[in-house]
Amino acid sequence: MRISGSELCRKRAKVLFVHFEEMYRCYNRPEYVDPDPVSVVRAYCELPDREVAAVISSCLAYGRAAQIVKSVRAVLGPMGDSPARFIRDSSQGEILNLCEGFRHRFTDSRDLYDLLISIRGALRLYGSIETVFSSGLKEGPNGVMAGLSSLSLVLRAASGDRKNSLLPDIVLGSACKRYHLFLKWMVRNDGIDPGGWTCIAPAELMIPLDTHMHRICLELGLIRRKAADMGAVIEATESFRLIAPEDPTRYDFTLTRFGIRPDLKVSDLIEQCSGGNV
């Protein structure tokens, strides 16, 4: 029987917690990072550089994982050791040269240029990406989404009304997987997520839901909603909060290894959880 987060009994949550914790210990380790764009983000020790790397990496995080990493490195490589300093101090012409000829699936050089120019504006005006996000934070259940709305407006500034493939529009009700993935990287700190932000706690994060994670949640009975939209994000997050109240995105990396890595299949995941009558 498939049940939603609001119906997930505490006994069932405890059973899933045991299975998820076992998998977390096995797979939430650096040797399982590749191929994943967080591997690029983890390489930056300074918080401003990690912020910029995380924005670019998360915005490009659609499609095959290996191609995502390749595209991210093609953007960040020419920026040297400090992407934040490069973008903040570069002229429009220098950024335009970096973007020339870039292509990642639906994303072209114009989309990338607009994103980098918007990041430059954010760094010059606010000083950091965290300040942009925290300036929009509100108390209550929609606080994180308010912060993301502020961040989205700033990152979309150079694009104006033009649709940019790198930047989902929050008001349209999409799952905004890339924004939530960015937040997870910047807020959580464990063997995979590098963290660094202090403006919100891990308990406030929401599930980065794409079609892959949506399928996993359906298979595990964590959601009922058939569309991978914001409603499904809320439903999935409610379920994971019953399992790990202080860290609902704790198992995101672990679970998404199944189906991304050739040696781990979603059927293996379901089998490992079968002891919980999933």
C-alpha atoms as a PDB file:
ATOM      1  CA  MET A   1       0.000   0.000   0.000  1.00  0.00           C
ATOM      2  CA  ARG A   2       1.310   3.433  -0.950  1.00  0.00           C
ATOM      3  CA  ILE A   3       0.784   6.137   1.629  1.00  0.00           C
ATOM      4  CA  SER A   4       1.477   9.844   1.740  1.00  0.00           C
ATOM      5  CA  GLY A   5       3.662  11.649   4.233  1.00  0.00           C
ATOM      6  CA  SER A   6       0.679  12.753   6.316  1.00  0.00           C
ATOM      7  CA  GLU A   7      -0.435   9.100   6.667  1.00  0.00           C
ATOM      8  CA  LEU A   8       3.009   7.634   7.268  1.00  0.00           C
ATOM      9  CA  CYS A   9       2.781   6.031  10.711  1.00  0.00           C
ATOM     10  CA  ARG A  10       5.594   6.442  13.190  1.00  0.00           C
ATOM     11  CA  LYS A  11       6.247   2.708  13.277  1.00  0.00           C
ATOM     12  CA  ARG A  12       6.767   2.634   9.511  1.00  0.00           C
ATOM     13  CA  ALA A  13       8.983   5.721   9.726  1.00  0.00           C
ATOM     14  CA  LYS A  14      11.174   3.956  12.275  1.00  0.00           C
ATOM     15  CA  VAL A  15      11.512   0.923   9.977  1.00  0.00           C
ATOM     16  CA  LEU A  16      12.503   3.073   7.009  1.00  0.00           C
ATOM     17  CA  PHE A  17      14.896   4.988   9.240  1.00  0.00           C
ATOM     18  CA  VAL A  18      16.786   1.766   9.971  1.00  0.00           C
ATOM     19  CA  HIS A  19      17.058   0.886   6.272  1.00  0.00           C
ATOM     20  CA  PHE A  20      18.001   4.404   5.216  1.00  0.00           C
ATOM     21  CA  GLU A  21      20.626   4.714   7.940  1.00  0.00           C
ATOM     22  CA  GLU A  22      22.213   1.456   6.847  1.00  0.00           C
ATOM     23  CA  MET A  23      22.382   2.688   3.254  1.00  0.00           C
ATOM     24  CA  TYR A  24      23.627   6.096   4.435  1.00  0.00           C
ATOM     25  CA  ARG A  25      26.569   4.428   6.182  1.00  0.00           C
ATOM     26  CA  CYS A  26      27.330   2.417   3.042  1.00  0.00           C
ATOM     27  CA  TYR A  27      26.944   5.013   0.300  1.00  0.00           C
ATOM     28  CA  ASN A  28      27.159   8.509   1.778  1.00  0.00           C
ATOM     29  CA  ARG A  29      30.916   8.505   1.317  1.00  0.00           C
ATOM     30  CA  PRO A  30      33.338  10.331  -0.986  1.00  0.00           C
ATOM     31  CA  GLU A  31      34.089   7.216  -3.033  1.00  0.00           C
ATOM     32  CA  TYR A  32      30.477   7.343  -4.283  1.00  0.00           C
ATOM     33  CA  VAL A  33      30.536  11.013  -5.270  1.00  0.00           C
ATOM     34  CA  ASP A  34      31.439  10.502  -8.925  1.00  0.00           C
ATOM     35  CA  PRO A  35      29.625  11.237 -11.101  1.00  0.00           C
ATOM     36  CA  ASP A  36      27.867  14.019  -9.209  1.00  0.00           C
ATOM     37  CA  PRO A  37      28.263  17.810  -9.540  1.00  0.00           C
ATOM     38  CA  VAL A  38      28.720  18.141  -5.780  1.00  0.00           C
ATOM     39  CA  SER A  39      32.212  16.754  -6.420  1.00  0.00           C
ATOM     40  CA  VAL A  40      33.083  20.066  -8.084  1.00  0.00           C
ATOM     41  CA  VAL A  41      31.556  22.150  -5.290  1.00  0.00           C
ATOM     42  CA  ARG A  42      33.485  20.240  -2.613  1.00  0.00           C
ATOM     43  CA  ALA A  43      36.782  21.287  -4.193  1.00  0.00           C
ATOM     44  CA  TYR A  44      36.434  24.905  -2.991  1.00  0.00           C
ATOM     45  CA  CYS A  45      37.513  25.629   0.577  1.00  0.00           C
ATOM     46  CA  GLU A  46      36.555  29.318   0.706  1.00  0.00           C
ATOM     47  CA  LEU A  47      32.829  29.934   1.239  1.00  0.00           C
ATOM     48  CA  PRO A  48      32.430  32.676  -1.441  1.00  0.00           C
ATOM     49  CA  ASP A  49      33.972  30.390  -4.065  1.00  0.00           C
ATOM     50  CA  ARG A  50      31.872  27.454  -2.926  1.00  0.00           C
ATOM     51  CA  GLU A  51      28.717  29.578  -3.206  1.00  0.00           C
ATOM     52  CA  VAL A  52      29.487  30.553  -6.791  1.00  0.00           C
ATOM     53  CA  ALA A  53      30.499  27.012  -7.726  1.00  0.00           C
ATOM     54  CA  ALA A  54      27.304  25.665  -6.148  1.00  0.00           C
ATOM     55  CA  VAL A  55      25.066  28.131  -7.997  1.00  0.00           C
ATOM     56  CA  ILE A  56      26.636  27.273 -11.347  1.00  0.00           C
ATOM     57  CA  SER A  57      26.734  23.528 -10.642  1.00  0.00           C
ATOM     58  CA  SER A  58      23.126  23.350  -9.450  1.00  0.00           C
ATOM     59  CA  CYS A  59      21.824  25.457 -12.331  1.00  0.00           C
ATOM     60  CA  LEU A  60      23.471  23.062 -14.787  1.00  0.00           C
ATOM     61  CA  ALA A  61      22.282  19.980 -12.882  1.00  0.00           C
ATOM     62  CA  TYR A  62      19.933  18.540 -15.455  1.00  0.00           C
ATOM     63  CA  GLY A  63      20.640  15.671 -17.829  1.00  0.00           C
ATOM     64  CA  ARG A  64      23.253  12.937 -17.427  1.00  0.00           C
ATOM     65  CA  ALA A  65      25.437  13.340 -14.358  1.00  0.00           C
ATOM     66  CA  ALA A  66      28.725  12.874 -16.213  1.00  0.00           C
ATOM     67  CA  GLN A  67      27.795  15.533 -18.775  1.00  0.00           C
ATOM     68  CA  ILE A  68      26.745  17.907 -15.995  1.00  0.00           C
ATOM     69  CA  VAL A  69      30.155  17.602 -14.350  1.00  0.00           C
ATOM     70  CA  LYS A  70      31.882  18.129 -17.697  1.00  0.00           C
ATOM     71  CA  SER A  71      29.859  21.278 -18.390  1.00  0.00           C
ATOM     72  CA  VAL A  72      30.395  22.667 -14.885  1.00  0.00           C
ATOM     73  CA  ARG A  73      34.148  22.199 -15.136  1.00  0.00           C
ATOM     74  CA  ALA A  74      34.145  23.888 -18.553  1.00  0.00           C
ATOM     75  CA  VAL A  75      32.627  26.967 -16.897  1.00  0.00           C
ATOM     76  CA  LEU A  76      34.576  27.021 -13.638  1.00  0.00           C
ATOM     77  CA  GLY A  77      37.960  25.969 -15.032  1.00  0.00           C
ATOM     78  CA  PRO A  78      38.787  29.302 -16.729  1.00  0.00           C
ATOM     79  CA  MET A  79      37.887  31.151 -13.510  1.00  0.00           C
ATOM     80  CA  GLY A  80      40.959  29.851 -11.692  1.00  0.00           C
ATOM     81  CA  ASP A  81      41.206  29.221  -7.963  1.00  0.00           C
ATOM     82  CA  SER A  82      38.579  31.802  -7.000  1.00  0.00           C
ATOM     83  CA  PRO A  83      35.362  31.851  -9.046  1.00  0.00           C
ATOM     84  CA  ALA A  84      33.922  34.513  -6.738  1.00  0.00           C
ATOM     85  CA  ARG A  85      36.818  36.887  -7.321  1.00  0.00           C
ATOM     86  CA  PHE A  86      36.839  36.190 -11.050  1.00  0.00           C
ATOM     87  CA  ILE A  87      33.140  36.978 -11.498  1.00  0.00           C
ATOM     88  CA  ARG A  88      33.101  39.953  -9.145  1.00  0.00           C
ATOM     89  CA  ASP A  89      36.104  41.606 -10.812  1.00  0.00           C
ATOM     90  CA  SER A  90      35.510  40.652 -14.458  1.00  0.00           C
ATOM     91  CA  SER A  91      34.186  42.986 -17.124  1.00  0.00           C
ATOM     92  CA  GLN A  92      31.189  42.107 -19.251  1.00  0.00           C
ATOM     93  CA  GLY A  93      33.559  41.427 -22.120  1.00  0.00           C
ATOM     94  CA  GLU A  94      35.627  38.966 -20.097  1.00  0.00           C
ATOM     95  CA  ILE A  95      32.498  37.090 -19.019  1.00  0.00           C
ATOM     96  CA  LEU A  96      31.216  37.114 -22.595  1.00  0.00           C
ATOM     97  CA  ASN A  97      34.492  35.554 -23.784  1.00  0.00           C
ATOM     98  CA  LEU A  98      34.229  32.818 -21.169  1.00  0.00           C
ATOM     99  CA  CYS A  99      30.697  31.957 -22.319  1.00  0.00           C
ATOM    100  CA  GLU A 100      31.433  31.953 -26.047  1.00  0.00           C
ATOM    101  CA  GLY A 101      30.478  28.665 -27.690  1.00  0.00           C
ATOM    102  CA  PHE A 102      29.101  27.120 -24.470  1.00  0.00           C
ATOM    103  CA  ARG A 103      26.336  24.543 -24.800  1.00  0.00           C
ATOM    104  CA  HIS A 104      24.718  22.191 -22.289  1.00  0.00           C
ATOM    105  CA  ARG A 105      21.590  20.497 -23.625  1.00  0.00           C
ATOM    106  CA  PHE A 106      19.010  23.350 -23.789  1.00  0.00           C
ATOM    107  CA  THR A 107      21.408  25.884 -22.315  1.00  0.00           C
ATOM    108  CA  ASP A 108      23.343  28.160 -24.640  1.00  0.00           C
ATOM    109  CA  SER A 109      25.967  30.847 -24.136  1.00  0.00           C
ATOM    110  CA  ARG A 110      23.336  33.569 -23.660  1.00  0.00           C
ATOM    111  CA  ASP A 111      21.722  31.721 -20.754  1.00  0.00           C
ATOM    112  CA  LEU A 112      25.103  31.216 -19.115  1.00  0.00           C
ATOM    113  CA  TYR A 113      26.164  34.822 -19.717  1.00  0.00           C
ATOM    114  CA  ASP A 114      22.982  36.164 -18.118  1.00  0.00           C
ATOM    115  CA  LEU A 115      23.493  33.914 -15.094  1.00  0.00           C
ATOM    116  CA  LEU A 116      27.117  34.968 -14.578  1.00  0.00           C
ATOM    117  CA  ILE A 117      26.283  38.655 -15.002  1.00  0.00           C
ATOM    118  CA  SER A 118      23.492  38.276 -12.438  1.00  0.00           C
ATOM    119  CA  ILE A 119      25.881  36.548 -10.019  1.00  0.00           C
ATOM    120  CA  ARG A 120      28.334  39.411 -10.525  1.00  0.00           C
ATOM    121  CA  GLY A 121      25.608  41.911  -9.681  1.00  0.00           C
ATOM    122  CA  ALA A 122      24.647  39.940  -6.576  1.00  0.00           C
ATOM    123  CA  LEU A 123      28.225  39.782  -5.302  1.00  0.00           C
ATOM    124  CA  ARG A 124      28.795  43.479  -5.894  1.00  0.00           C
ATOM    125  CA  LEU A 125      25.523  44.602  -4.315  1.00  0.00           C
ATOM    126  CA  TYR A 126      25.038  42.070  -1.494  1.00  0.00           C
ATOM    127  CA  GLY A 127      28.554  40.751  -0.903  1.00  0.00           C
ATOM    128  CA  SER A 128      27.509  37.097  -0.865  1.00  0.00           C
ATOM    129  CA  ILE A 129      24.871  34.729  -2.213  1.00  0.00           C
ATOM    130  CA  GLU A 130      23.851  33.838   1.341  1.00  0.00           C
ATOM    131  CA  THR A 131      22.960  37.472   1.994  1.00  0.00           C
ATOM    132  CA  VAL A 132      20.734  37.493  -1.097  1.00  0.00           C
ATOM    133  CA  PHE A 133      18.892  34.400   0.125  1.00  0.00           C
ATOM    134  CA  SER A 134      18.642  35.437   3.769  1.00  0.00           C
ATOM    135  CA  SER A 135      17.311  38.898   2.835  1.00  0.00           C
ATOM    136  CA  GLY A 136      14.086  37.260   1.689  1.00  0.00           C
ATOM    137  CA  LEU A 137      13.688  34.738   4.513  1.00  0.00           C
ATOM    138  CA  LYS A 138      10.470  34.837   6.510  1.00  0.00           C
ATOM    139  CA  GLU A 139       9.267  32.998   9.572  1.00  0.00           C
ATOM    140  CA  GLY A 140       6.824  30.169   9.092  1.00  0.00           C
ATOM    141  CA  PRO A 141       6.449  27.158   6.795  1.00  0.00           C
ATOM    142  CA  ASN A 142       7.041  29.158   3.601  1.00  0.00           C
ATOM    143  CA  GLY A 143      10.143  30.921   4.860  1.00  0.00           C
ATOM    144  CA  VAL A 144      12.618  28.981   2.734  1.00  0.00           C
ATOM    145  CA  MET A 145      10.543  29.489  -0.398  1.00  0.00           C
ATOM    146  CA  ALA A 146      10.488  33.229   0.313  1.00  0.00           C
ATOM    147  CA  GLY A 147      14.266  33.204   0.495  1.00  0.00           C
ATOM    148  CA  LEU A 148      14.468  31.252  -2.759  1.00  0.00           C
ATOM    149  CA  SER A 149      12.122  33.739  -4.402  1.00  0.00           C
ATOM    150  CA  SER A 150      14.508  36.556  -3.520  1.00  0.00           C
ATOM    151  CA  LEU A 151      17.461  34.547  -4.789  1.00  0.00           C
ATOM    152  CA  SER A 152      15.618  33.666  -7.991  1.00  0.00           C
ATOM    153  CA  LEU A 153      14.770  37.308  -8.702  1.00  0.00           C
ATOM    154  CA  VAL A 154      18.404  38.347  -8.329  1.00  0.00           C
ATOM    155  CA  LEU A 155      19.756  35.462 -10.412  1.00  0.00           C
ATOM    156  CA  ARG A 156      17.201  36.188 -13.143  1.00  0.00           C
ATOM    157  CA  ALA A 157      17.941  39.922 -13.184  1.00  0.00           C
ATOM    158  CA  ALA A 158      20.084  39.935 -16.335  1.00  0.00           C
ATOM    159  CA  SER A 159      17.597  37.738 -18.201  1.00  0.00           C
ATOM    160  CA  GLY A 160      14.642  40.016 -17.527  1.00  0.00           C
ATOM    161  CA  ASP A 161      11.471  38.566 -19.016  1.00  0.00           C
ATOM    162  CA  ARG A 162      13.465  36.238 -21.258  1.00  0.00           C
ATOM    163  CA  LYS A 163      13.200  32.556 -20.328  1.00  0.00           C
ATOM    164  CA  ASN A 164      16.505  31.178 -19.102  1.00  0.00           C
ATOM    165  CA  SER A 165      16.935  27.393 -19.115  1.00  0.00           C
ATOM    166  CA  LEU A 166      19.213  27.601 -16.069  1.00  0.00           C
ATOM    167  CA  LEU A 167      16.694  29.329 -13.817  1.00  0.00           C
ATOM    168  CA  PRO A 168      13.270  27.834 -13.045  1.00  0.00           C
ATOM    169  CA  ASP A 169      10.482  30.262 -12.218  1.00  0.00           C
ATOM    170  CA  ILE A 170       9.336  29.537  -8.669  1.00  0.00           C
ATOM    171  CA  VAL A 171       5.894  31.095  -9.145  1.00  0.00           C
ATOM    172  CA  LEU A 172       4.995  28.514 -11.809  1.00  0.00           C
ATOM    173  CA  GLY A 173       4.872  25.725  -9.204  1.00  0.00           C
ATOM    174  CA  SER A 174       7.673  23.544 -10.538  1.00  0.00           C
ATOM    175  CA  ALA A 175       9.658  21.317  -8.183  1.00  0.00           C
ATOM    176  CA  CYS A 176      12.643  23.708  -8.406  1.00  0.00           C
ATOM    177  CA  LYS A 177      14.942  20.752  -7.870  1.00  0.00           C
ATOM    178  CA  ARG A 178      18.068  22.727  -8.741  1.00  0.00           C
ATOM    179  CA  TYR A 179      17.363  25.470  -6.190  1.00  0.00           C
ATOM    180  CA  HIS A 180      16.722  22.923  -3.429  1.00  0.00           C
ATOM    181  CA  LEU A 181      19.836  21.006  -4.429  1.00  0.00           C
ATOM    182  CA  PHE A 182      21.846  24.213  -4.133  1.00  0.00           C
ATOM    183  CA  LEU A 183      20.458  24.861  -0.641  1.00  0.00           C
ATOM    184  CA  LYS A 184      21.218  21.309   0.459  1.00  0.00           C
ATOM    185  CA  TRP A 185      24.844  21.648  -0.603  1.00  0.00           C
ATOM    186  CA  MET A 186      25.241  24.977   1.181  1.00  0.00           C
ATOM    187  CA  VAL A 187      23.392  24.176   4.431  1.00  0.00           C
ATOM    188  CA  ARG A 188      24.192  20.528   5.194  1.00  0.00           C
ATOM    189  CA  ASN A 189      27.667  19.468   6.254  1.00  0.00           C
ATOM    190  CA  ASP A 190      28.598  15.810   6.239  1.00  0.00           C
ATOM    191  CA  GLY A 191      30.792  13.463   4.237  1.00  0.00           C
ATOM    192  CA  ILE A 192      29.215  14.669   0.994  1.00  0.00           C
ATOM    193  CA  ASP A 193      27.548  18.072   1.381  1.00  0.00           C
ATOM    194  CA  PRO A 194      30.190  20.736   2.156  1.00  0.00           C
ATOM    195  CA  GLY A 195      27.898  23.267   3.874  1.00  0.00           C
ATOM    196  CA  GLY A 196      28.957  26.705   5.075  1.00  0.00           C
ATOM    197  CA  TRP A 197      25.680  28.590   5.410  1.00  0.00           C
ATOM    198  CA  THR A 198      24.196  29.337   8.816  1.00  0.00           C
ATOM    199  CA  CYS A 199      21.065  31.325   7.885  1.00  0.00           C
ATOM    200  CA  ILE A 200      18.822  28.250   8.029  1.00  0.00           C
ATOM    201  CA  ALA A 201      19.043  24.818   9.643  1.00  0.00           C
ATOM    202  CA  PRO A 202      19.025  21.464   7.804  1.00  0.00           C
ATOM    203  CA  ALA A 203      15.571  20.845   9.293  1.00  0.00           C
ATOM    204  CA  GLU A 204      14.174  23.590   7.049  1.00  0.00           C
ATOM    205  CA  LEU A 205      15.419  22.102   3.777  1.00  0.00           C
ATOM    206  CA  MET A 206      13.132  20.555   1.166  1.00  0.00           C
ATOM    207  CA  ILE A 207      13.715  17.523  -1.049  1.00  0.00           C
ATOM    208  CA  PRO A 208      15.454  18.220  -4.396  1.00  0.00           C
ATOM    209  CA  LEU A 209      12.893  16.370  -6.510  1.00  0.00           C
ATOM    210  CA  ASP A 210      13.546  15.480 -10.143  1.00  0.00           C
ATOM    211  CA  THR A 211      11.958  12.647 -12.126  1.00  0.00           C
ATOM    212  CA  HIS A 212      14.515  10.191 -10.730  1.00  0.00           C
ATOM    213  CA  MET A 213      13.880  11.053  -7.066  1.00  0.00           C
ATOM    214  CA  HIS A 214      10.157  11.259  -7.792  1.00  0.00           C
ATOM    215  CA  ARG A 215      10.204   7.659  -9.047  1.00  0.00           C
ATOM    216  CA  ILE A 216      12.108   6.515  -5.959  1.00  0.00           C
ATOM    217  CA  CYS A 217       9.619   8.233  -3.647  1.00  0.00           C
ATOM    218  CA  LEU A 218       6.701   6.641  -5.490  1.00  0.00           C
ATOM    219  CA  GLU A 219       8.327   3.203  -5.362  1.00  0.00           C
ATOM    220  CA  LEU A 220       8.970   3.540  -1.634  1.00  0.00           C
ATOM    221  CA  GLY A 221       5.446   4.760  -0.951  1.00  0.00           C
ATOM    222  CA  LEU A 222       6.611   8.131   0.342  1.00  0.00           C
ATOM    223  CA  ILE A 223       4.355  10.094  -1.998  1.00  0.00           C
ATOM    224  CA  ARG A 224       1.175   9.582  -3.996  1.00  0.00           C
ATOM    225  CA  ARG A 225       1.330  12.578  -6.268  1.00  0.00           C
ATOM    226  CA  LYS A 226       2.020  11.529  -9.851  1.00  0.00           C
ATOM    227  CA  ALA A 227       3.407  14.870 -11.038  1.00  0.00           C
ATOM    228  CA  ALA A 228       6.948  15.848 -10.027  1.00  0.00           C
ATOM    229  CA  ASP A 229       5.900  19.354  -8.997  1.00  0.00           C
ATOM    230  CA  MET A 230       6.029  21.492  -5.865  1.00  0.00           C
ATOM    231  CA  GLY A 231       3.105  19.563  -4.395  1.00  0.00           C
ATOM    232  CA  ALA A 232       5.165  16.388  -4.635  1.00  0.00           C
ATOM    233  CA  VAL A 233       8.153  18.164  -3.075  1.00  0.00           C
ATOM    234  CA  ILE A 234       6.032  19.146  -0.081  1.00  0.00           C
ATOM    235  CA  GLU A 235       4.599  15.643   0.216  1.00  0.00           C
ATOM    236  CA  ALA A 236       8.010  13.980  -0.005  1.00  0.00           C
ATOM    237  CA  THR A 237       9.547  16.408   2.477  1.00  0.00           C
ATOM    238  CA  GLU A 238       6.748  15.724   4.973  1.00  0.00           C
ATOM    239  CA  SER A 239       7.471  11.993   4.735  1.00  0.00           C
ATOM    240  CA  PHE A 240      11.210  12.419   5.171  1.00  0.00           C
ATOM    241  CA  ARG A 241      10.633  14.750   8.134  1.00  0.00           C
ATOM    242  CA  LEU A 242       8.838  11.920   9.905  1.00  0.00           C
ATOM    243  CA  ILE A 243      11.870   9.719   9.295  1.00  0.00           C
ATOM    244  CA  ALA A 244      14.571  12.332  10.043  1.00  0.00           C
ATOM    245  CA  PRO A 245      12.909  15.412  11.602  1.00  0.00           C
ATOM    246  CA  GLU A 246      16.107  17.419  12.019  1.00  0.00           C
ATOM    247  CA  ASP A 247      17.511  16.576   8.594  1.00  0.00           C
ATOM    248  CA  PRO A 248      14.854  15.617   6.011  1.00  0.00           C
ATOM    249  CA  THR A 249      17.297  15.735   3.056  1.00  0.00           C
ATOM    250  CA  ARG A 250      19.815  13.515   4.849  1.00  0.00           C
ATOM    251  CA  TYR A 251      19.191  10.555   2.545  1.00  0.00           C
ATOM    252  CA  ASP A 252      18.892  12.421  -0.761  1.00  0.00           C
ATOM    253  CA  PHE A 253      22.426  11.671  -1.952  1.00  0.00           C
ATOM    254  CA  THR A 254      22.278   8.053  -0.801  1.00  0.00           C
ATOM    255  CA  LEU A 255      18.943   7.247  -2.414  1.00  0.00           C
ATOM    256  CA  THR A 256      19.767   8.915  -5.704  1.00  0.00           C
ATOM    257  CA  ARG A 257      22.891   6.785  -6.132  1.00  0.00           C
ATOM    258  CA  PHE A 258      20.432   4.038  -7.060  1.00  0.00           C
ATOM    259  CA  GLY A 259      19.694   4.443 -10.736  1.00  0.00           C
ATOM    260  CA  ILE A 260      22.514   6.952 -11.325  1.00  0.00           C
ATOM    261  CA  ARG A 261      25.436   4.637 -10.722  1.00  0.00           C
ATOM    262  CA  PRO A 262      25.519   1.574 -13.000  1.00  0.00           C
ATOM    263  CA  ASP A 263      26.285  -0.694 -10.031  1.00  0.00           C
ATOM    264  CA  LEU A 264      23.226   0.431  -8.035  1.00  0.00           C
ATOM    265  CA  LYS A 265      19.706  -0.080  -9.398  1.00  0.00           C
ATOM    266  CA  VAL A 266      16.407   1.235  -8.043  1.00  0.00           C
ATOM    267  CA  SER A 267      15.234  -2.380  -7.781  1.00  0.00           C
ATOM    268  CA  ASP A 268      18.167  -2.969  -5.394  1.00  0.00           C
ATOM    269  CA  LEU A 269      16.941  -0.076  -3.276  1.00  0.00           C
ATOM    270  CA  ILE A 270      13.404  -1.459  -3.099  1.00  0.00           C
ATOM    271  CA  GLU A 271      14.756  -4.886  -2.201  1.00  0.00           C
ATOM    272  CA  GLN A 272      16.862  -3.479   0.615  1.00  0.00           C
ATOM    273  CA  CYS A 273      13.782  -1.725   2.006  1.00  0.00           C
ATOM    274  CA  SER A 274      11.520  -4.775   1.601  1.00  0.00           C
ATOM    275  CA  GLY A 275      11.921  -5.638   5.259  1.00  0.00           C
ATOM    276  CA  GLY A 276       9.770  -2.573   5.962  1.00  0.00           C
ATOM    277  CA  ASN A 277       6.921  -3.862   3.751  1.00  0.00           C
ATOM    278  CA  VAL A 278       7.463  -1.025   1.300  1.00  0.00           C
END
